[in-house]
Amino acid sequence: QVQLVESGGGLVQTGGSLRLSCVASRSIFSFYNMGWYRQAPGKERELVAGITSAGSTNYADSVKGRFGISRDITKKTVYLQMNSLKPEDTAVYYCNALGTPTRNSYWGQGTQVTVSS
């Protein structure tokens, strides 16, 4: 079992920045791909950014150049740095751990990000 706890969400104005954190209950990054997803009201959950167990990163087109995903292995924490935020970034953001090769999947409880116009 893996527990994930997100933090860092909040209310910010358009153009502002936030940094989300996801702390894992144990050291998993060598065996899990980590991802940040978001879900806006009435929409499906979508992948925002991911970082593989090898450290490769990928981003949704809508956030490229504005968001950055990183990890601190010693702190068992994955971060999502969000810059130049837009109202359309408003959503609940979730952290996910996907095991390789087990494919076990774990989710955090989510953190709300609201961007005011």
Protein backbone atom coordinates (compact mmCIF):
# COMPACT_ATOMS: atom_id res chain seq x y z
CA GLN A 1 0.00 0.00 0.00
CA VAL A 2 1.04 3.55 -0.70
CA GLN A 3 -0.53 6.65 0.79
CA LEU A 4 -0.19 9.94 -1.06
CA VAL A 5 -0.91 13.29 0.56
CA GLU A 6 -1.21 16.42 -1.56
CA SER A 7 -0.91 19.98 -0.38
CA GLY A 8 -0.31 23.45 -1.73
CA GLY A 9 -3.58 24.23 -3.45
CA GLY A 10 -5.45 27.46 -2.96
CA LEU A 11 -6.88 30.57 -4.55
CA VAL A 12 -4.66 32.62 -6.84
CA GLN A 13 -5.18 35.35 -9.39
CA THR A 14 -4.61 34.92 -13.10
CA GLY A 15 -0.90 34.97 -13.82
CA GLY A 16 0.02 33.79 -10.36
CA SER A 17 1.93 30.72 -9.23
CA LEU A 18 1.42 27.79 -6.91
CA ARG A 19 3.52 24.79 -6.00
CA LEU A 20 1.77 21.54 -5.21
CA SER A 21 3.42 18.82 -3.16
CA CYS A 22 2.68 15.11 -2.96
CA VAL A 23 4.30 13.16 -0.15
CA ALA A 24 4.42 9.38 -0.39
CA SER A 25 4.24 7.15 2.68
CA ARG A 26 7.36 5.26 1.63
CA SER A 27 10.16 5.46 -0.91
CA ILE A 28 8.60 4.40 -4.19
CA PHE A 29 10.05 6.51 -6.95
CA SER A 30 12.38 3.81 -8.23
CA PHE A 31 9.41 1.57 -8.96
CA TYR A 32 6.57 3.98 -9.65
CA ASN A 33 5.76 6.51 -12.32
CA MET A 34 4.28 9.58 -10.68
CA GLY A 35 1.70 11.86 -12.17
CA TRP A 36 -0.36 14.93 -11.47
CA TYR A 37 -3.91 14.83 -12.76
CA ARG A 38 -6.71 17.34 -12.53
CA GLN A 39 -10.46 17.24 -12.72
CA ALA A 40 -12.62 20.28 -13.30
CA PRO A 41 -16.37 20.26 -12.60
CA GLY A 42 -18.22 18.36 -15.29
CA LYS A 43 -15.03 17.19 -16.96
CA GLU A 44 -13.04 13.99 -16.97
CA ARG A 45 -9.85 13.62 -15.02
CA GLU A 46 -6.85 14.42 -17.21
CA LEU A 47 -3.11 13.96 -16.94
CA VAL A 48 -1.30 17.25 -16.41
CA ALA A 49 2.28 16.11 -15.91
CA GLY A 50 4.16 12.92 -15.28
CA ILE A 51 7.60 11.79 -14.23
CA THR A 52 8.75 8.24 -14.78
CA SER A 53 10.77 6.08 -12.42
CA ALA A 54 13.77 6.93 -14.62
CA GLY A 55 13.12 10.66 -14.28
CA SER A 56 11.69 11.43 -17.70
CA THR A 57 8.93 14.01 -17.75
CA ASN A 58 5.92 14.69 -19.95
CA TYR A 59 3.24 17.36 -19.99
CA ALA A 60 -0.18 18.03 -21.37
CA ASP A 61 -0.05 20.49 -24.23
CA SER A 62 -2.19 22.92 -22.28
CA VAL A 63 0.46 23.35 -19.56
CA LYS A 64 3.73 23.04 -21.47
CA GLY A 65 6.02 25.91 -20.69
CA ARG A 66 4.01 26.90 -17.61
CA PHE A 67 4.12 23.85 -15.32
CA GLY A 68 7.06 21.83 -14.11
CA ILE A 69 7.09 18.45 -12.39
CA SER A 70 9.98 17.38 -10.20
CA ARG A 71 10.74 15.02 -7.35
CA ASP A 72 12.88 14.90 -4.25
CA ILE A 73 13.74 11.27 -3.56
CA THR A 74 15.04 11.94 -0.05
CA LYS A 75 11.80 13.69 0.90
CA LYS A 76 9.60 11.16 -0.93
CA THR A 77 7.89 14.15 -2.52
CA VAL A 78 6.76 15.05 -6.00
CA TYR A 79 6.14 18.68 -6.86
CA LEU A 80 4.13 20.49 -9.46
CA GLN A 81 5.26 24.04 -9.99
CA MET A 82 2.49 25.99 -11.71
CA ASN A 83 3.25 29.38 -13.22
CA SER A 84 1.24 31.80 -15.33
CA LEU A 85 -1.96 30.27 -14.04
CA LYS A 86 -5.17 30.73 -15.99
CA PRO A 87 -8.82 30.40 -14.94
CA GLU A 88 -9.03 27.22 -17.02
CA ASP A 89 -6.45 25.64 -14.69
CA THR A 90 -9.08 25.65 -11.95
CA ALA A 91 -9.63 22.07 -10.82
CA VAL A 92 -8.98 19.54 -8.13
CA TYR A 93 -5.43 18.28 -8.59
CA TYR A 94 -4.60 14.68 -7.75
CA CYS A 95 -1.32 12.88 -7.31
CA ASN A 96 -1.02 9.36 -8.72
CA ALA A 97 1.52 6.60 -8.32
CA LEU A 98 1.56 3.86 -10.97
CA GLY A 99 3.73 0.85 -10.30
CA THR A 100 6.16 -0.48 -12.88
CA PRO A 101 5.69 -3.20 -13.86
CA THR A 102 2.96 -4.10 -11.36
CA ARG A 103 0.55 -1.39 -12.58
CA ASN A 104 -0.72 -0.91 -9.05
CA SER A 105 -2.27 2.54 -8.90
CA TYR A 106 -2.68 4.82 -5.90
CA TRP A 107 -4.33 8.23 -5.62
CA GLY A 108 -4.12 11.08 -3.19
CA GLN A 109 -7.16 12.85 -1.83
CA GLY A 110 -6.78 15.87 -4.09
CA THR A 111 -6.13 19.55 -3.54
CA GLN A 112 -8.26 22.37 -4.92
CA VAL A 113 -6.70 25.00 -7.17
CA THR A 114 -8.83 28.01 -8.04
CA VAL A 115 -7.62 30.71 -10.40
CA SER A 116 -9.63 33.89 -10.39
CA SER A 117 -9.91 36.12 -13.44
